[in-house]
Amino acid sequence: MSENLSLKSFVVLMKSAKYMQEIVKKDISSHGMKISDFAVLEALYHKGRQTIRQISEAVLISTGSITYVIDKLEAKGLLERKHCREDRRVVYIHITDKGTQLMDEIFPQHQQVIEEIFTDISDTEKEQLIDLLKQVGKQEGKAKGE
């Protein structure tokens, strides 16, 4: 029987993703944060102000769950809500100075953890991996019948 490379690719990808998620979760929790909290702060830290919908799409968490995370982070003084002057229905989420200071402190350490995961992979191999994973991701539309 021939080896099913699609199935093997899937299994290896899923095991790799699980491994990376465990490392990232351990790193983030060492800073007293949950992954969802860190993901929201990281999106605001790197992209600037965002709407709840934009954050939800960036971090792949439902808008209902994002609202809860934002409420918790706002209570800690790490971010704030501001209404759009042109359209009061739109609310932007901003990272505060306190949130920026926190991310200035922990993000470089987090980035180093990610670098260590990929330490034995060349830049060329990383570029190939990115291209391959993008090809797999393009299948999403087909799976949804688009």
N, C-alpha and C. Protein backbone atom coordinates (compact mmCIF):
# COMPACT_ATOMS: atom_id res chain seq x y z
N MET A 1 0.85 -1.19 0.00
CA MET A 1 0.00 0.00 0.00
C MET A 1 0.89 1.24 0.00
N SER A 2 0.57 2.19 -0.86
CA SER A 2 1.38 3.40 -0.94
C SER A 2 1.07 4.33 0.23
N GLU A 3 2.07 5.09 0.56
CA GLU A 3 1.93 6.04 1.67
C GLU A 3 1.06 7.22 1.24
N ASN A 4 0.12 7.62 2.08
CA ASN A 4 -0.75 8.75 1.78
C ASN A 4 -0.06 10.01 2.29
N LEU A 5 0.59 10.74 1.38
CA LEU A 5 1.37 11.92 1.77
C LEU A 5 0.50 13.06 2.26
N SER A 6 -0.71 13.17 1.75
CA SER A 6 -1.60 14.22 2.24
C SER A 6 -1.94 13.98 3.70
N LEU A 7 -2.30 12.76 4.03
CA LEU A 7 -2.63 12.42 5.41
C LEU A 7 -1.41 12.60 6.32
N LYS A 8 -0.27 12.14 5.86
CA LYS A 8 0.96 12.28 6.66
C LYS A 8 1.30 13.77 6.87
N SER A 9 1.14 14.57 5.82
CA SER A 9 1.40 16.01 5.94
C SER A 9 0.48 16.63 6.97
N PHE A 10 -0.79 16.24 6.93
CA PHE A 10 -1.77 16.75 7.88
C PHE A 10 -1.37 16.40 9.31
N VAL A 11 -1.03 15.15 9.55
CA VAL A 11 -0.68 14.70 10.90
C VAL A 11 0.56 15.43 11.40
N VAL A 12 1.58 15.56 10.57
CA VAL A 12 2.81 16.25 10.98
C VAL A 12 2.53 17.72 11.26
N LEU A 13 1.73 18.35 10.42
CA LEU A 13 1.37 19.75 10.63
C LEU A 13 0.63 19.93 11.94
N MET A 14 -0.33 19.07 12.22
CA MET A 14 -1.11 19.18 13.45
C MET A 14 -0.24 18.94 14.69
N LYS A 15 0.66 17.97 14.62
CA LYS A 15 1.56 17.72 15.76
C LYS A 15 2.49 18.90 15.98
N SER A 16 2.99 19.48 14.90
CA SER A 16 3.85 20.65 15.01
C SER A 16 3.11 21.83 15.61
N ALA A 17 1.87 22.03 15.17
CA ALA A 17 1.06 23.13 15.69
C ALA A 17 0.80 22.93 17.18
N LYS A 18 0.50 21.71 17.58
CA LYS A 18 0.25 21.43 19.00
C LYS A 18 1.51 21.70 19.82
N TYR A 19 2.65 21.27 19.33
CA TYR A 19 3.93 21.50 20.01
C TYR A 19 4.17 23.00 20.19
N MET A 20 3.98 23.76 19.12
CA MET A 20 4.21 25.20 19.19
C MET A 20 3.22 25.88 20.13
N GLN A 21 1.96 25.45 20.09
CA GLN A 21 0.96 26.04 20.98
C GLN A 21 1.31 25.80 22.45
N GLU A 22 1.82 24.62 22.76
CA GLU A 22 2.20 24.32 24.14
C GLU A 22 3.35 25.20 24.60
N ILE A 23 4.33 25.41 23.74
CA ILE A 23 5.47 26.27 24.09
C ILE A 23 5.02 27.71 24.27
N VAL A 24 4.21 28.20 23.35
CA VAL A 24 3.72 29.58 23.41
C VAL A 24 2.85 29.78 24.65
N LYS A 25 1.98 28.83 24.93
CA LYS A 25 1.11 28.93 26.11
C LYS A 25 1.95 28.98 27.39
N LYS A 26 2.96 28.15 27.47
CA LYS A 26 3.84 28.14 28.65
C LYS A 26 4.55 29.48 28.78
N ASP A 27 5.05 30.01 27.68
CA ASP A 27 5.75 31.30 27.71
C ASP A 27 4.82 32.41 28.15
N ILE A 28 3.66 32.49 27.55
CA ILE A 28 2.72 33.57 27.87
C ILE A 28 2.22 33.46 29.30
N SER A 29 1.95 32.24 29.75
CA SER A 29 1.47 32.07 31.13
C SER A 29 2.55 32.41 32.14
N SER A 30 3.82 32.32 31.74
CA SER A 30 4.90 32.71 32.65
C SER A 30 4.89 34.21 32.94
N HIS A 31 4.18 34.96 32.11
CA HIS A 31 4.01 36.41 32.31
C HIS A 31 2.67 36.72 32.97
N GLY A 32 1.98 35.68 33.44
CA GLY A 32 0.71 35.87 34.13
C GLY A 32 -0.44 36.22 33.21
N MET A 33 -0.34 35.80 31.95
CA MET A 33 -1.38 36.13 30.97
C MET A 33 -1.95 34.87 30.35
N LYS A 34 -3.15 35.03 29.79
CA LYS A 34 -3.74 33.98 28.97
C LYS A 34 -3.44 34.29 27.52
N ILE A 35 -3.48 33.28 26.68
CA ILE A 35 -3.17 33.47 25.27
C ILE A 35 -4.09 34.51 24.63
N SER A 36 -5.37 34.47 24.97
CA SER A 36 -6.31 35.44 24.38
C SER A 36 -5.96 36.87 24.78
N ASP A 37 -5.56 37.07 26.04
CA ASP A 37 -5.16 38.41 26.50
C ASP A 37 -3.94 38.89 25.72
N PHE A 38 -2.96 38.01 25.62
CA PHE A 38 -1.72 38.36 24.92
C PHE A 38 -2.00 38.65 23.45
N ALA A 39 -2.83 37.83 22.82
CA ALA A 39 -3.13 38.00 21.40
C ALA A 39 -3.76 39.36 21.12
N VAL A 40 -4.69 39.78 21.97
CA VAL A 40 -5.34 41.08 21.78
C VAL A 40 -4.32 42.21 21.98
N LEU A 41 -3.54 42.13 23.05
CA LEU A 41 -2.52 43.17 23.28
C LEU A 41 -1.50 43.21 22.16
N GLU A 42 -1.10 42.04 21.69
CA GLU A 42 -0.09 41.98 20.62
C GLU A 42 -0.63 42.61 19.34
N ALA A 43 -1.89 42.35 19.02
CA ALA A 43 -2.49 42.95 17.82
C ALA A 43 -2.49 44.47 17.92
N LEU A 44 -2.88 45.00 19.07
CA LEU A 44 -2.90 46.45 19.26
C LEU A 44 -1.50 47.03 19.32
N TYR A 45 -0.60 46.31 19.90
CA TYR A 45 0.80 46.73 20.04
C TYR A 45 1.45 46.92 18.67
N HIS A 46 1.17 45.99 17.76
CA HIS A 46 1.81 46.05 16.45
C HIS A 46 1.00 46.77 15.38
N LYS A 47 -0.32 46.78 15.51
CA LYS A 47 -1.15 47.36 14.45
C LYS A 47 -1.80 48.68 14.84
N GLY A 48 -1.70 49.06 16.10
CA GLY A 48 -2.36 50.29 16.54
C GLY A 48 -3.83 50.06 16.77
N ARG A 49 -4.57 51.15 16.87
CA ARG A 49 -6.00 51.06 17.21
C ARG A 49 -6.72 50.15 16.23
N GLN A 50 -7.69 49.43 16.77
CA GLN A 50 -8.47 48.47 15.99
C GLN A 50 -9.91 48.47 16.52
N THR A 51 -10.84 48.10 15.67
CA THR A 51 -12.19 47.87 16.14
C THR A 51 -12.25 46.45 16.72
N ILE A 52 -13.30 46.16 17.44
CA ILE A 52 -13.45 44.82 18.01
C ILE A 52 -13.47 43.79 16.89
N ARG A 53 -14.15 44.09 15.80
CA ARG A 53 -14.21 43.16 14.67
C ARG A 53 -12.82 42.91 14.09
N GLN A 54 -12.03 43.97 13.92
CA GLN A 54 -10.67 43.82 13.38
C GLN A 54 -9.82 42.95 14.30
N ILE A 55 -9.92 43.19 15.59
CA ILE A 55 -9.16 42.38 16.55
C ILE A 55 -9.61 40.93 16.47
N SER A 56 -10.91 40.72 16.44
CA SER A 56 -11.47 39.37 16.37
C SER A 56 -10.94 38.62 15.15
N GLU A 57 -10.91 39.27 14.01
CA GLU A 57 -10.41 38.64 12.79
C GLU A 57 -8.90 38.41 12.86
N ALA A 58 -8.17 39.33 13.49
CA ALA A 58 -6.71 39.19 13.58
C ALA A 58 -6.28 38.04 14.50
N VAL A 59 -7.02 37.84 15.57
CA VAL A 59 -6.60 36.84 16.56
C VAL A 59 -7.47 35.58 16.53
N LEU A 60 -8.42 35.54 15.59
CA LEU A 60 -9.26 34.36 15.38
C LEU A 60 -10.04 33.95 16.63
N ILE A 61 -10.62 34.94 17.29
CA ILE A 61 -11.48 34.71 18.45
C ILE A 61 -12.80 35.40 18.15
N SER A 62 -13.92 34.77 18.50
CA SER A 62 -15.23 35.35 18.20
C SER A 62 -15.40 36.71 18.87
N THR A 63 -16.24 37.55 18.28
CA THR A 63 -16.44 38.89 18.82
C THR A 63 -17.01 38.85 20.24
N GLY A 64 -17.85 37.86 20.54
CA GLY A 64 -18.38 37.74 21.90
C GLY A 64 -17.30 37.47 22.91
N SER A 65 -16.39 36.58 22.59
CA SER A 65 -15.28 36.27 23.50
C SER A 65 -14.30 37.43 23.58
N ILE A 66 -14.08 38.11 22.46
CA ILE A 66 -13.15 39.24 22.44
C ILE A 66 -13.64 40.34 23.38
N THR A 67 -14.93 40.59 23.39
CA THR A 67 -15.49 41.63 24.26
C THR A 67 -15.15 41.34 25.72
N TYR A 68 -15.26 40.09 26.13
CA TYR A 68 -14.92 39.69 27.50
C TYR A 68 -13.44 39.94 27.78
N VAL A 69 -12.57 39.56 26.84
CA VAL A 69 -11.13 39.76 27.00
C VAL A 69 -10.82 41.26 27.09
N ILE A 70 -11.43 42.04 26.22
CA ILE A 70 -11.21 43.49 26.22
C ILE A 70 -11.67 44.10 27.54
N ASP A 71 -12.81 43.67 28.04
CA ASP A 71 -13.29 44.16 29.34
C ASP A 71 -12.25 43.90 30.44
N LYS A 72 -11.70 42.70 30.47
CA LYS A 72 -10.69 42.36 31.49
C LYS A 72 -9.43 43.20 31.34
N LEU A 73 -8.97 43.37 30.11
CA LEU A 73 -7.74 44.14 29.87
C LEU A 73 -7.97 45.63 30.14
N GLU A 74 -9.17 46.11 29.86
CA GLU A 74 -9.50 47.51 30.15
C GLU A 74 -9.53 47.73 31.66
N ALA A 75 -10.07 46.78 32.41
CA ALA A 75 -10.12 46.90 33.87
C ALA A 75 -8.72 46.93 34.48
N LYS A 76 -7.76 46.31 33.80
CA LYS A 76 -6.36 46.31 34.26
C LYS A 76 -5.61 47.55 33.79
N GLY A 77 -6.26 48.38 32.98
CA GLY A 77 -5.63 49.60 32.49
C GLY A 77 -4.67 49.37 31.33
N LEU A 78 -4.80 48.23 30.65
CA LEU A 78 -3.87 47.90 29.56
C LEU A 78 -4.37 48.36 28.19
N LEU A 79 -5.67 48.62 28.10
CA LEU A 79 -6.24 49.17 26.88
C LEU A 79 -7.46 49.99 27.23
N GLU A 80 -7.95 50.74 26.24
CA GLU A 80 -9.13 51.57 26.45
C GLU A 80 -9.96 51.65 25.18
N ARG A 81 -11.22 51.95 25.37
CA ARG A 81 -12.15 52.13 24.25
C ARG A 81 -12.29 53.63 23.97
N LYS A 82 -12.35 53.98 22.69
CA LYS A 82 -12.61 55.36 22.30
C LYS A 82 -13.58 55.35 21.13
N HIS A 83 -14.62 56.18 21.22
CA HIS A 83 -15.59 56.29 20.14
C HIS A 83 -14.98 57.07 18.98
N CYS A 84 -15.34 56.66 17.78
CA CYS A 84 -14.91 57.35 16.56
C CYS A 84 -15.66 58.68 16.48
N ARG A 85 -14.96 59.75 16.18
CA ARG A 85 -15.59 61.07 16.11
C ARG A 85 -16.56 61.17 14.94
N GLU A 86 -16.23 60.49 13.82
CA GLU A 86 -17.06 60.58 12.62
C GLU A 86 -18.30 59.69 12.71
N ASP A 87 -18.20 58.59 13.44
CA ASP A 87 -19.31 57.64 13.53
C ASP A 87 -19.32 57.06 14.94
N ARG A 88 -20.21 57.56 15.76
CA ARG A 88 -20.24 57.16 17.18
C ARG A 88 -20.57 55.69 17.38
N ARG A 89 -21.07 55.02 16.34
CA ARG A 89 -21.33 53.59 16.46
C ARG A 89 -20.04 52.78 16.47
N VAL A 90 -18.98 53.37 15.94
CA VAL A 90 -17.69 52.68 15.85
C VAL A 90 -16.88 52.97 17.11
N VAL A 91 -16.37 51.90 17.71
CA VAL A 91 -15.54 52.03 18.91
C VAL A 91 -14.17 51.45 18.59
N TYR A 92 -13.15 52.26 18.81
CA TYR A 92 -11.78 51.79 18.61
C TYR A 92 -11.19 51.36 19.95
N ILE A 93 -10.38 50.32 19.88
CA ILE A 93 -9.66 49.84 21.05
C ILE A 93 -8.21 50.29 20.89
N HIS A 94 -7.69 50.94 21.92
CA HIS A 94 -6.32 51.45 21.92
C HIS A 94 -5.55 50.80 23.05
N ILE A 95 -4.29 50.50 22.81
CA ILE A 95 -3.43 50.05 23.89
C ILE A 95 -3.00 51.29 24.68
N THR A 96 -2.97 51.19 25.99
CA THR A 96 -2.58 52.32 26.84
C THR A 96 -1.06 52.34 27.00
N ASP A 97 -0.55 53.39 27.62
CA ASP A 97 0.88 53.46 27.91
C ASP A 97 1.30 52.28 28.80
N LYS A 98 0.44 51.95 29.76
CA LYS A 98 0.72 50.81 30.64
C LYS A 98 0.78 49.51 29.84
N GLY A 99 -0.13 49.34 28.89
CA GLY A 99 -0.13 48.15 28.04
C GLY A 99 1.10 48.11 27.15
N THR A 100 1.48 49.26 26.61
CA THR A 100 2.68 49.33 25.77
C THR A 100 3.92 49.00 26.57
N GLN A 101 4.02 49.51 27.79
CA GLN A 101 5.16 49.20 28.65
C GLN A 101 5.25 47.71 28.92
N LEU A 102 4.10 47.09 29.20
CA LEU A 102 4.07 45.65 29.44
C LEU A 102 4.56 44.89 28.20
N MET A 103 4.06 45.26 27.04
CA MET A 103 4.45 44.57 25.80
C MET A 103 5.91 44.86 25.45
N ASP A 104 6.39 46.08 25.73
CA ASP A 104 7.82 46.38 25.52
C ASP A 104 8.70 45.44 26.34
N GLU A 105 8.20 45.08 27.50
CA GLU A 105 8.95 44.20 28.40
C GLU A 105 8.87 42.73 27.97
N ILE A 106 7.67 42.25 27.66
CA ILE A 106 7.53 40.81 27.44
C ILE A 106 7.61 40.37 25.98
N PHE A 107 7.31 41.26 25.02
CA PHE A 107 7.30 40.80 23.63
C PHE A 107 8.67 40.36 23.14
N PRO A 108 9.75 41.08 23.43
CA PRO A 108 11.06 40.59 22.96
C PRO A 108 11.40 39.18 23.50
N GLN A 109 11.01 38.91 24.73
CA GLN A 109 11.23 37.58 25.29
C GLN A 109 10.38 36.55 24.55
N HIS A 110 9.15 36.90 24.27
CA HIS A 110 8.25 36.00 23.54
C HIS A 110 8.80 35.74 22.14
N GLN A 111 9.26 36.77 21.49
CA GLN A 111 9.81 36.62 20.15
C GLN A 111 11.03 35.68 20.18
N GLN A 112 11.82 35.75 21.23
CA GLN A 112 12.98 34.87 21.35
C GLN A 112 12.54 33.40 21.49
N VAL A 113 11.47 33.17 22.21
CA VAL A 113 10.92 31.81 22.33
C VAL A 113 10.53 31.28 20.94
N ILE A 114 9.90 32.12 20.14
CA ILE A 114 9.51 31.73 18.78
C ILE A 114 10.76 31.46 17.94
N GLU A 115 11.76 32.33 18.07
CA GLU A 115 13.02 32.14 17.32
C GLU A 115 13.64 30.79 17.65
N GLU A 116 13.59 30.41 18.92
CA GLU A 116 14.18 29.14 19.34
C GLU A 116 13.46 27.94 18.73
N ILE A 117 12.16 28.05 18.51
CA ILE A 117 11.41 26.96 17.87
C ILE A 117 11.96 26.71 16.46
N PHE A 118 12.32 27.78 15.77
CA PHE A 118 12.76 27.69 14.38
C PHE A 118 14.27 27.78 14.22
N THR A 119 15.02 27.59 15.28
CA THR A 119 16.46 27.80 15.26
C THR A 119 17.21 26.92 14.26
N ASP A 120 16.75 25.71 14.02
CA ASP A 120 17.45 24.80 13.12
C ASP A 120 16.94 24.85 11.69
N ILE A 121 16.10 25.83 11.40
CA ILE A 121 15.53 25.97 10.06
C ILE A 121 16.11 27.23 9.42
N SER A 122 16.64 27.07 8.21
CA SER A 122 17.26 28.21 7.51
C SER A 122 16.19 29.21 7.08
N ASP A 123 16.62 30.42 6.76
CA ASP A 123 15.69 31.44 6.28
C ASP A 123 15.01 30.98 4.98
N THR A 124 15.75 30.32 4.11
CA THR A 124 15.17 29.81 2.87
C THR A 124 14.08 28.79 3.17
N GLU A 125 14.34 27.89 4.11
CA GLU A 125 13.35 26.89 4.49
C GLU A 125 12.12 27.54 5.14
N LYS A 126 12.35 28.59 5.92
CA LYS A 126 11.22 29.31 6.52
C LYS A 126 10.35 29.94 5.44
N GLU A 127 10.98 30.53 4.43
CA GLU A 127 10.23 31.12 3.32
C GLU A 127 9.45 30.05 2.57
N GLN A 128 10.05 28.89 2.37
CA GLN A 128 9.35 27.78 1.72
C GLN A 128 8.16 27.33 2.56
N LEU A 129 8.37 27.23 3.86
CA LEU A 129 7.30 26.82 4.77
C LEU A 129 6.14 27.81 4.71
N ILE A 130 6.46 29.09 4.73
CA ILE A 130 5.42 30.13 4.64
C ILE A 130 4.63 29.97 3.34
N ASP A 131 5.34 29.79 2.23
CA ASP A 131 4.67 29.64 0.94
C ASP A 131 3.78 28.40 0.91
N LEU A 132 4.28 27.29 1.44
CA LEU A 132 3.50 26.06 1.46
C LEU A 132 2.25 26.19 2.33
N LEU A 133 2.42 26.79 3.50
CA LEU A 133 1.26 26.94 4.39
C LEU A 133 0.24 27.91 3.81
N LYS A 134 0.69 28.91 3.08
CA LYS A 134 -0.25 29.81 2.40
C LYS A 134 -1.05 29.04 1.35
N GLN A 135 -0.39 28.12 0.65
CA GLN A 135 -1.10 27.30 -0.34
C GLN A 135 -2.16 26.45 0.33
N VAL A 136 -1.83 25.87 1.46
CA VAL A 136 -2.81 25.07 2.20
C VAL A 136 -3.95 25.98 2.66
N GLY A 137 -3.63 27.17 3.15
CA GLY A 137 -4.64 28.11 3.61
C GLY A 137 -5.58 28.58 2.52
N LYS A 138 -5.12 28.61 1.28
CA LYS A 138 -5.98 29.02 0.16
C LYS A 138 -7.09 28.01 -0.08
N GLN A 139 -6.93 26.82 0.43
CA GLN A 139 -7.95 25.79 0.27
C GLN A 139 -9.17 26.09 1.13
N GLU A 140 -9.04 27.02 2.09
CA GLU A 140 -10.15 27.34 3.00
C GLU A 140 -11.41 27.73 2.23
N GLY A 141 -11.25 28.58 1.23
CA GLY A 141 -12.41 29.01 0.44
C GLY A 141 -13.09 27.85 -0.27
N LYS A 142 -12.29 26.93 -0.78
CA LYS A 142 -12.85 25.77 -1.46
C LYS A 142 -13.62 24.89 -0.48
N ALA A 143 -13.10 24.75 0.73
CA ALA A 143 -13.76 23.91 1.73
C ALA A 143 -15.11 24.51 2.15
N LYS A 144 -15.21 25.84 2.08
CA LYS A 144 -16.46 26.51 2.46
C LYS A 144 -17.43 26.60 1.29
N GLY A 145 -16.98 26.11 0.11
CA GLY A 145 -17.86 26.14 -1.07
C GLY A 145 -17.89 27.48 -1.76
N GLU A 146 -16.86 28.28 -1.55
CA GLU A 146 -16.82 29.63 -2.17
C GLU A 146 -16.29 29.56 -3.60
